Amino acid sequence: MNFFDLWQTFNPLSALVVFFAYILVDGMYAYYTLAIAEKQPFKSATVGALMHFLIAVGVLSYVQNYLYILPLALGSWIGTYIVVLKSK
């Protein structure tokens, strides 16, 4: 598939879903790491399971069109930044 075909199949709504999903994923990952550090097994296991469900959504998106990696990466950055900023 060439670059033009990728843009033809790129869906802005799907990109938005991936973007917000990865804000959640990376926010959850930071929260997951804090829960592990605080030795809270139920909280860390639950957040980890939910996090992997959302990761699967992102993987299914960018396997079909690698342009979805852009909103994924941006959402990831924002999610981590917000959680770390608020945990001070």
PDB file of N, CA and C in Angstrom:
ATOM      1  N   MET A   1       0.852  -1.180   0.000  1.00  0.00           N
ATOM      2  CA  MET A   1       0.000   0.000   0.000  1.00  0.00           C
ATOM      3  C   MET A   1       0.892   1.235   0.000  1.00  0.00           C
ATOM      4  N   ASN A   2       0.628   2.160  -0.911  1.00  0.00           N
ATOM      5  CA  ASN A   2       1.459   3.360  -0.975  1.00  0.00           C
ATOM      6  C   ASN A   2       0.894   4.463  -0.066  1.00  0.00           C
ATOM      7  N   PHE A   3       1.643   5.537   0.034  1.00  0.00           N
ATOM      8  CA  PHE A   3       1.302   6.629   0.951  1.00  0.00           C
ATOM      9  C   PHE A   3      -0.057   7.243   0.612  1.00  0.00           C
ATOM     10  N   PHE A   4      -0.363   7.406  -0.669  1.00  0.00           N
ATOM     11  CA  PHE A   4      -1.654   7.973  -1.079  1.00  0.00           C
ATOM     12  C   PHE A   4      -2.812   7.074  -0.635  1.00  0.00           C
ATOM     13  N   ASP A   5      -2.636   5.766  -0.775  1.00  0.00           N
ATOM     14  CA  ASP A   5      -3.668   4.818  -0.341  1.00  0.00           C
ATOM     15  C   ASP A   5      -3.890   4.888   1.164  1.00  0.00           C
ATOM     16  N   LEU A   6      -2.812   5.106   1.910  1.00  0.00           N
ATOM     17  CA  LEU A   6      -2.945   5.220   3.368  1.00  0.00           C
ATOM     18  C   LEU A   6      -3.804   6.424   3.738  1.00  0.00           C
ATOM     19  N   TRP A   7      -3.605   7.544   3.045  1.00  0.00           N
ATOM     20  CA  TRP A   7      -4.424   8.728   3.329  1.00  0.00           C
ATOM     21  C   TRP A   7      -5.870   8.517   2.916  1.00  0.00           C
ATOM     22  N   GLN A   8      -6.091   7.740   1.868  1.00  0.00           N
ATOM     23  CA  GLN A   8      -7.452   7.457   1.414  1.00  0.00           C
ATOM     24  C   GLN A   8      -8.227   6.644   2.450  1.00  0.00           C
ATOM     25  N   THR A   9      -7.531   5.776   3.168  1.00  0.00           N
ATOM     26  CA  THR A   9      -8.191   4.928   4.158  1.00  0.00           C
ATOM     27  C   THR A   9      -8.105   5.499   5.571  1.00  0.00           C
ATOM     28  N   PHE A  10      -7.444   6.640   5.740  1.00  0.00           N
ATOM     29  CA  PHE A  10      -7.299   7.274   7.047  1.00  0.00           C
ATOM     30  C   PHE A  10      -8.634   7.900   7.446  1.00  0.00           C
ATOM     31  N   ASN A  11      -9.115   7.558   8.632  1.00  0.00           N
ATOM     32  CA  ASN A  11     -10.391   8.063   9.119  1.00  0.00           C
ATOM     33  C   ASN A  11     -10.122   8.991  10.312  1.00  0.00           C
ATOM     34  N   PRO A  12     -10.433  10.277  10.199  1.00  0.00           N
ATOM     35  CA  PRO A  12     -10.179  11.205  11.304  1.00  0.00           C
ATOM     36  C   PRO A  12     -10.882  10.814  12.602  1.00  0.00           C
ATOM     37  N   LEU A  13     -12.068  10.234  12.507  1.00  0.00           N
ATOM     38  CA  LEU A  13     -12.772   9.794  13.714  1.00  0.00           C
ATOM     39  C   LEU A  13     -12.017   8.654  14.398  1.00  0.00           C
ATOM     40  N   SER A  14     -11.521   7.712  13.612  1.00  0.00           N
ATOM     41  CA  SER A  14     -10.708   6.624  14.173  1.00  0.00           C
ATOM     42  C   SER A  14      -9.436   7.176  14.802  1.00  0.00           C
ATOM     43  N   ALA A  15      -8.828   8.168  14.152  1.00  0.00           N
ATOM     44  CA  ALA A  15      -7.618   8.788  14.693  1.00  0.00           C
ATOM     45  C   ALA A  15      -7.922   9.451  16.034  1.00  0.00           C
ATOM     46  N   LEU A  16      -9.081  10.080  16.136  1.00  0.00           N
ATOM     47  CA  LEU A  16      -9.481  10.722  17.389  1.00  0.00           C
ATOM     48  C   LEU A  16      -9.699   9.689  18.495  1.00  0.00           C
ATOM     49  N   VAL A  17     -10.302   8.567  18.141  1.00  0.00           N
ATOM     50  CA  VAL A  17     -10.510   7.485  19.117  1.00  0.00           C
ATOM     51  C   VAL A  17      -9.161   6.953  19.596  1.00  0.00           C
ATOM     52  N   VAL A  18      -8.240   6.729  18.667  1.00  0.00           N
ATOM     53  CA  VAL A  18      -6.901   6.244  19.036  1.00  0.00           C
ATOM     54  C   VAL A  18      -6.197   7.273  19.920  1.00  0.00           C
ATOM     55  N   PHE A  19      -6.300   8.549  19.566  1.00  0.00           N
ATOM     56  CA  PHE A  19      -5.676   9.623  20.343  1.00  0.00           C
ATOM     57  C   PHE A  19      -6.163   9.596  21.795  1.00  0.00           C
ATOM     58  N   PHE A  20      -7.480   9.592  22.000  1.00  0.00           N
ATOM     59  CA  PHE A  20      -8.012   9.599  23.359  1.00  0.00           C
ATOM     60  C   PHE A  20      -7.773   8.277  24.081  1.00  0.00           C
ATOM     61  N   ALA A  21      -7.796   7.171  23.335  1.00  0.00           N
ATOM     62  CA  ALA A  21      -7.504   5.871  23.952  1.00  0.00           C
ATOM     63  C   ALA A  21      -6.089   5.862  24.516  1.00  0.00           C
ATOM     64  N   TYR A  22      -5.149   6.473  23.795  1.00  0.00           N
ATOM     65  CA  TYR A  22      -3.767   6.459  24.266  1.00  0.00           C
ATOM     66  C   TYR A  22      -3.468   7.526  25.307  1.00  0.00           C
ATOM     67  N   ILE A  23      -4.292   8.543  25.393  1.00  0.00           N
ATOM     68  CA  ILE A  23      -4.203   9.424  26.566  1.00  0.00           C
ATOM     69  C   ILE A  23      -4.546   8.584  27.793  1.00  0.00           C
ATOM     70  N   LEU A  24      -5.611   7.791  27.675  1.00  0.00           N
ATOM     71  CA  LEU A  24      -5.997   6.905  28.774  1.00  0.00           C
ATOM     72  C   LEU A  24      -4.940   5.842  29.050  1.00  0.00           C
ATOM     73  N   VAL A  25      -4.439   5.205  27.982  1.00  0.00           N
ATOM     74  CA  VAL A  25      -3.458   4.122  28.156  1.00  0.00           C
ATOM     75  C   VAL A  25      -2.232   4.614  28.922  1.00  0.00           C
ATOM     76  N   ASP A  26      -1.672   5.720  28.503  1.00  0.00           N
ATOM     77  CA  ASP A  26      -0.448   6.161  29.169  1.00  0.00           C
ATOM     78  C   ASP A  26      -0.726   6.762  30.533  1.00  0.00           C
ATOM     79  N   GLY A  27      -1.887   7.370  30.699  1.00  0.00           N
ATOM     80  CA  GLY A  27      -2.276   7.799  32.036  1.00  0.00           C
ATOM     81  C   GLY A  27      -2.429   6.597  32.951  1.00  0.00           C
ATOM     82  N   MET A  28      -3.054   5.544  32.418  1.00  0.00           N
ATOM     83  CA  MET A  28      -3.226   4.314  33.192  1.00  0.00           C
ATOM     84  C   MET A  28      -1.881   3.651  33.466  1.00  0.00           C
ATOM     85  N   TYR A  29      -0.973   3.712  32.509  1.00  0.00           N
ATOM     86  CA  TYR A  29       0.341   3.102  32.708  1.00  0.00           C
ATOM     87  C   TYR A  29       1.094   3.782  33.848  1.00  0.00           C
ATOM     88  N   ALA A  30       1.019   5.107  33.888  1.00  0.00           N
ATOM     89  CA  ALA A  30       1.665   5.832  34.987  1.00  0.00           C
ATOM     90  C   ALA A  30       0.990   5.469  36.311  1.00  0.00           C
ATOM     91  N   TYR A  31      -0.340   5.398  36.312  1.00  0.00           N
ATOM     92  CA  TYR A  31      -1.099   5.025  37.506  1.00  0.00           C
ATOM     93  C   TYR A  31      -0.772   3.586  37.917  1.00  0.00           C
ATOM     94  N   TYR A  32      -0.649   2.704  36.922  1.00  0.00           N
ATOM     95  CA  TYR A  32      -0.282   1.301  37.132  1.00  0.00           C
ATOM     96  C   TYR A  32       1.083   1.199  37.813  1.00  0.00           C
ATOM     97  N   THR A  33       2.032   1.975  37.322  1.00  0.00           N
ATOM     98  CA  THR A  33       3.380   1.969  37.905  1.00  0.00           C
ATOM     99  C   THR A  33       3.358   2.445  39.353  1.00  0.00           C
ATOM    100  N   LEU A  34       2.579   3.489  39.617  1.00  0.00           N
ATOM    101  CA  LEU A  34       2.451   3.971  40.997  1.00  0.00           C
ATOM    102  C   LEU A  34       1.796   2.923  41.894  1.00  0.00           C
ATOM    103  N   ALA A  35       0.784   2.230  41.392  1.00  0.00           N
ATOM    104  CA  ALA A  35       0.103   1.190  42.176  1.00  0.00           C
ATOM    105  C   ALA A  35       1.044   0.031  42.486  1.00  0.00           C
ATOM    106  N   ILE A  36       1.895  -0.326  41.543  1.00  0.00           N
ATOM    107  CA  ILE A  36       2.878  -1.388  41.791  1.00  0.00           C
ATOM    108  C   ILE A  36       3.882  -0.928  42.844  1.00  0.00           C
ATOM    109  N   ALA A  37       4.356   0.300  42.709  1.00  0.00           N
ATOM    110  CA  ALA A  37       5.325   0.823  43.678  1.00  0.00           C
ATOM    111  C   ALA A  37       4.730   0.875  45.082  1.00  0.00           C
ATOM    112  N   GLU A  38       3.414   1.101  45.174  1.00  0.00           N
ATOM    113  CA  GLU A  38       2.736   1.141  46.473  1.00  0.00           C
ATOM    114  C   GLU A  38       2.255  -0.238  46.916  1.00  0.00           C
ATOM    115  N   LYS A  39       2.605  -1.275  46.138  1.00  0.00           N
ATOM    116  CA  LYS A  39       2.264  -2.670  46.427  1.00  0.00           C
ATOM    117  C   LYS A  39       0.762  -2.866  46.633  1.00  0.00           C
ATOM    118  N   GLN A  40      -0.007  -2.410  45.646  1.00  0.00           N
ATOM    119  CA  GLN A  40      -1.460  -2.575  45.654  1.00  0.00           C
ATOM    120  C   GLN A  40      -1.833  -3.538  44.525  1.00  0.00           C
ATOM    121  N   PRO A  41      -1.888  -4.845  44.824  1.00  0.00           N
ATOM    122  CA  PRO A  41      -2.048  -5.843  43.765  1.00  0.00           C
ATOM    123  C   PRO A  41      -3.374  -5.759  43.007  1.00  0.00           C
ATOM    124  N   PHE A  42      -4.480  -5.539  43.679  1.00  0.00           N
ATOM    125  CA  PHE A  42      -5.766  -5.496  42.988  1.00  0.00           C
ATOM    126  C   PHE A  42      -5.833  -4.305  42.040  1.00  0.00           C
ATOM    127  N   LYS A  43      -5.415  -3.156  42.537  1.00  0.00           N
ATOM    128  CA  LYS A  43      -5.451  -1.940  41.720  1.00  0.00           C
ATOM    129  C   LYS A  43      -4.525  -2.074  40.506  1.00  0.00           C
ATOM    130  N   SER A  44      -3.316  -2.553  40.722  1.00  0.00           N
ATOM    131  CA  SER A  44      -2.373  -2.657  39.611  1.00  0.00           C
ATOM    132  C   SER A  44      -2.816  -3.717  38.598  1.00  0.00           C
ATOM    133  N   ALA A  45      -3.384  -4.830  39.062  1.00  0.00           N
ATOM    134  CA  ALA A  45      -3.851  -5.872  38.143  1.00  0.00           C
ATOM    135  C   ALA A  45      -5.040  -5.386  37.313  1.00  0.00           C
ATOM    136  N   THR A  46      -5.959  -4.675  37.950  1.00  0.00           N
ATOM    137  CA  THR A  46      -7.138  -4.174  37.245  1.00  0.00           C
ATOM    138  C   THR A  46      -6.754  -3.128  36.209  1.00  0.00           C
ATOM    139  N   VAL A  47      -5.924  -2.185  36.603  1.00  0.00           N
ATOM    140  CA  VAL A  47      -5.487  -1.145  35.667  1.00  0.00           C
ATOM    141  C   VAL A  47      -4.681  -1.772  34.534  1.00  0.00           C
ATOM    142  N   GLY A  48      -3.845  -2.742  34.838  1.00  0.00           N
ATOM    143  CA  GLY A  48      -3.053  -3.418  33.806  1.00  0.00           C
ATOM    144  C   GLY A  48      -3.926  -4.117  32.776  1.00  0.00           C
ATOM    145  N   ALA A  49      -4.970  -4.794  33.227  1.00  0.00           N
ATOM    146  CA  ALA A  49      -5.871  -5.494  32.308  1.00  0.00           C
ATOM    147  C   ALA A  49      -6.611  -4.503  31.405  1.00  0.00           C
ATOM    148  N   LEU A  50      -7.125  -3.435  31.986  1.00  0.00           N
ATOM    149  CA  LEU A  50      -7.826  -2.416  31.194  1.00  0.00           C
ATOM    150  C   LEU A  50      -6.885  -1.749  30.198  1.00  0.00           C
ATOM    151  N   MET A  51      -5.673  -1.526  30.651  1.00  0.00           N
ATOM    152  CA  MET A  51      -4.677  -0.886  29.808  1.00  0.00           C
ATOM    153  C   MET A  51      -4.376  -1.756  28.573  1.00  0.00           C
ATOM    154  N   HIS A  52      -4.238  -3.054  28.767  1.00  0.00           N
ATOM    155  CA  HIS A  52      -3.936  -3.935  27.635  1.00  0.00           C
ATOM    156  C   HIS A  52      -5.112  -4.046  26.670  1.00  0.00           C
ATOM    157  N   PHE A  53      -6.321  -3.925  27.173  1.00  0.00           N
ATOM    158  CA  PHE A  53      -7.483  -3.897  26.287  1.00  0.00           C
ATOM    159  C   PHE A  53      -7.402  -2.686  25.356  1.00  0.00           C
ATOM    160  N   LEU A  54      -7.094  -1.516  25.907  1.00  0.00           N
ATOM    161  CA  LEU A  54      -6.992  -0.307  25.085  1.00  0.00           C
ATOM    162  C   LEU A  54      -5.793  -0.362  24.132  1.00  0.00           C
ATOM    163  N   ILE A  55      -4.719  -0.987  24.576  1.00  0.00           N
ATOM    164  CA  ILE A  55      -3.544  -1.138  23.701  1.00  0.00           C
ATOM    165  C   ILE A  55      -3.924  -1.953  22.463  1.00  0.00           C
ATOM    166  N   ALA A  56      -4.742  -2.976  22.646  1.00  0.00           N
ATOM    167  CA  ALA A  56      -5.170  -3.799  21.516  1.00  0.00           C
ATOM    168  C   ALA A  56      -5.938  -2.960  20.492  1.00  0.00           C
ATOM    169  N   VAL A  57      -6.747  -2.008  20.950  1.00  0.00           N
ATOM    170  CA  VAL A  57      -7.466  -1.120  20.039  1.00  0.00           C
ATOM    171  C   VAL A  57      -6.474  -0.340  19.173  1.00  0.00           C
ATOM    172  N   GLY A  58      -5.450   0.193  19.801  1.00  0.00           N
ATOM    173  CA  GLY A  58      -4.436   0.944  19.056  1.00  0.00           C
ATOM    174  C   GLY A  58      -3.677   0.080  18.074  1.00  0.00           C
ATOM    175  N   VAL A  59      -3.309  -1.111  18.498  1.00  0.00           N
ATOM    176  CA  VAL A  59      -2.558  -2.011  17.622  1.00  0.00           C
ATOM    177  C   VAL A  59      -3.390  -2.378  16.399  1.00  0.00           C
ATOM    178  N   LEU A  60      -4.650  -2.695  16.615  1.00  0.00           N
ATOM    179  CA  LEU A  60      -5.512  -3.042  15.480  1.00  0.00           C
ATOM    180  C   LEU A  60      -5.651  -1.877  14.513  1.00  0.00           C
ATOM    181  N   SER A  61      -5.605  -0.653  15.027  1.00  0.00           N
ATOM    182  CA  SER A  61      -5.710   0.520  14.164  1.00  0.00           C
ATOM    183  C   SER A  61      -4.465   0.712  13.320  1.00  0.00           C
ATOM    184  N   TYR A  62      -3.289   0.709  13.939  1.00  0.00           N
ATOM    185  CA  TYR A  62      -2.102   1.028  13.148  1.00  0.00           C
ATOM    186  C   TYR A  62      -1.554  -0.150  12.363  1.00  0.00           C
ATOM    187  N   VAL A  63      -2.016  -1.354  12.637  1.00  0.00           N
ATOM    188  CA  VAL A  63      -1.631  -2.478  11.785  1.00  0.00           C
ATOM    189  C   VAL A  63      -2.265  -2.311  10.403  1.00  0.00           C
ATOM    190  N   GLN A  64      -3.466  -1.738  10.374  1.00  0.00           N
ATOM    191  CA  GLN A  64      -4.150  -1.530   9.103  1.00  0.00           C
ATOM    192  C   GLN A  64      -3.666  -0.266   8.394  1.00  0.00           C
ATOM    193  N   ASN A  65      -3.203   0.719   9.154  1.00  0.00           N
ATOM    194  CA  ASN A  65      -2.749   1.969   8.551  1.00  0.00           C
ATOM    195  C   ASN A  65      -1.771   2.637   9.525  1.00  0.00           C
ATOM    196  N   TYR A  66      -0.508   2.662   9.160  1.00  0.00           N
ATOM    197  CA  TYR A  66       0.502   3.166  10.099  1.00  0.00           C
ATOM    198  C   TYR A  66       0.399   4.660  10.371  1.00  0.00           C
ATOM    199  N   LEU A  67      -0.443   5.382   9.662  1.00  0.00           N
ATOM    200  CA  LEU A  67      -0.633   6.805   9.960  1.00  0.00           C
ATOM    201  C   LEU A  67      -1.285   7.022  11.330  1.00  0.00           C
ATOM    202  N   TYR A  68      -1.958   5.992  11.855  1.00  0.00           N
ATOM    203  CA  TYR A  68      -2.577   6.105  13.176  1.00  0.00           C
ATOM    204  C   TYR A  68      -1.538   6.132  14.301  1.00  0.00           C
ATOM    205  N   ILE A  69      -0.294   5.872  13.971  1.00  0.00           N
ATOM    206  CA  ILE A  69       0.765   5.956  14.986  1.00  0.00           C
ATOM    207  C   ILE A  69       0.941   7.401  15.457  1.00  0.00           C
ATOM    208  N   LEU A  70       0.669   8.370  14.588  1.00  0.00           N
ATOM    209  CA  LEU A  70       0.817   9.782  14.965  1.00  0.00           C
ATOM    210  C   LEU A  70      -0.142  10.186  16.094  1.00  0.00           C
ATOM    211  N   PRO A  71      -1.459   9.966  15.973  1.00  0.00           N
ATOM    212  CA  PRO A  71      -2.320  10.306  17.103  1.00  0.00           C
ATOM    213  C   PRO A  71      -2.053   9.426  18.328  1.00  0.00           C
ATOM    214  N   LEU A  72      -1.598   8.198  18.089  1.00  0.00           N
ATOM    215  CA  LEU A  72      -1.254   7.305  19.187  1.00  0.00           C
ATOM    216  C   LEU A  72      -0.105   7.892  20.002  1.00  0.00           C
ATOM    217  N   ALA A  73       0.949   8.316  19.342  1.00  0.00           N
ATOM    218  CA  ALA A  73       2.118   8.856  20.039  1.00  0.00           C
ATOM    219  C   ALA A  73       1.790  10.161  20.761  1.00  0.00           C
ATOM    220  N   LEU A  74       1.012  11.013  20.120  1.00  0.00           N
ATOM    221  CA  LEU A  74       0.630  12.277  20.751  1.00  0.00           C
ATOM    222  C   LEU A  74      -0.247  12.034  21.979  1.00  0.00           C
ATOM    223  N   GLY A  75      -1.201  11.141  21.869  1.00  0.00           N
ATOM    224  CA  GLY A  75      -2.040  10.797  23.020  1.00  0.00           C
ATOM    225  C   GLY A  75      -1.228  10.191  24.145  1.00  0.00           C
ATOM    226  N   SER A  76      -0.264   9.371  23.795  1.00  0.00           N
ATOM    227  CA  SER A  76       0.616   8.751  24.784  1.00  0.00           C
ATOM    228  C   SER A  76       1.398   9.805  25.569  1.00  0.00           C
ATOM    229  N   TRP A  77       1.948  10.760  24.850  1.00  0.00           N
ATOM    230  CA  TRP A  77       2.729  11.822  25.498  1.00  0.00           C
ATOM    231  C   TRP A  77       1.848  12.618  26.457  1.00  0.00           C
ATOM    232  N   ILE A  78       0.670  13.006  25.991  1.00  0.00           N
ATOM    233  CA  ILE A  78      -0.230  13.825  26.811  1.00  0.00           C
ATOM    234  C   ILE A  78      -0.696  13.059  28.044  1.00  0.00           C
ATOM    235  N   GLY A  79      -1.042  11.793  27.880  1.00  0.00           N
ATOM    236  CA  GLY A  79      -1.501  10.989  29.020  1.00  0.00           C
ATOM    237  C   GLY A  79      -0.459  10.874  30.115  1.00  0.00           C
ATOM    238  N   THR A  80       0.770  10.591  29.749  1.00  0.00           N
ATOM    239  CA  THR A  80       1.840  10.486  30.740  1.00  0.00           C
ATOM    240  C   THR A  80       2.121  11.834  31.386  1.00  0.00           C
ATOM    241  N   TYR A  81       2.170  12.870  30.583  1.00  0.00           N
ATOM    242  CA  TYR A  81       2.467  14.215  31.099  1.00  0.00           C
ATOM    243  C   TYR A  81       1.433  14.626  32.161  1.00  0.00           C
ATOM    244  N   ILE A  82       0.159  14.418  31.865  1.00  0.00           N
ATOM    245  CA  ILE A  82      -0.895  14.826  32.801  1.00  0.00           C
ATOM    246  C   ILE A  82      -0.800  14.069  34.120  1.00  0.00           C
ATOM    247  N   VAL A  83      -0.622  12.754  34.061  1.00  0.00           N
ATOM    248  CA  VAL A  83      -0.560  11.973  35.306  1.00  0.00           C
ATOM    249  C   VAL A  83       0.662  12.332  36.129  1.00  0.00           C
ATOM    250  N   VAL A  84       1.799  12.470  35.493  1.00  0.00           N
ATOM    251  CA  VAL A  84       3.019  12.800  36.238  1.00  0.00           C
ATOM    252  C   VAL A  84       2.923  14.220  36.815  1.00  0.00           C
ATOM    253  N   LEU A  85       2.374  15.144  36.048  1.00  0.00           N
ATOM    254  CA  LEU A  85       2.193  16.516  36.523  1.00  0.00           C
ATOM    255  C   LEU A  85       1.284  16.562  37.746  1.00  0.00           C
ATOM    256  N   LYS A  86       0.207  15.790  37.726  1.00  0.00           N
ATOM    257  CA  LYS A  86      -0.758  15.813  38.826  1.00  0.00           C
ATOM    258  C   LYS A  86      -0.298  14.992  40.034  1.00  0.00           C
ATOM    259  N   SER A  87       0.709  14.151  39.874  1.00  0.00           N
ATOM    260  CA  SER A  87       1.149  13.307  40.995  1.00  0.00           C
ATOM    261  C   SER A  87       2.202  13.962  41.866  1.00  0.00           C
ATOM    262  N   LYS A  88       2.563  15.207  41.564  1.00  0.00           N
ATOM    263  CA  LYS A  88       3.579  15.909  42.347  1.00  0.00           C
ATOM    264  C   LYS A  88       3.064  16.249  43.722  1.00  0.00           C
TER     265      LYS A  88
END
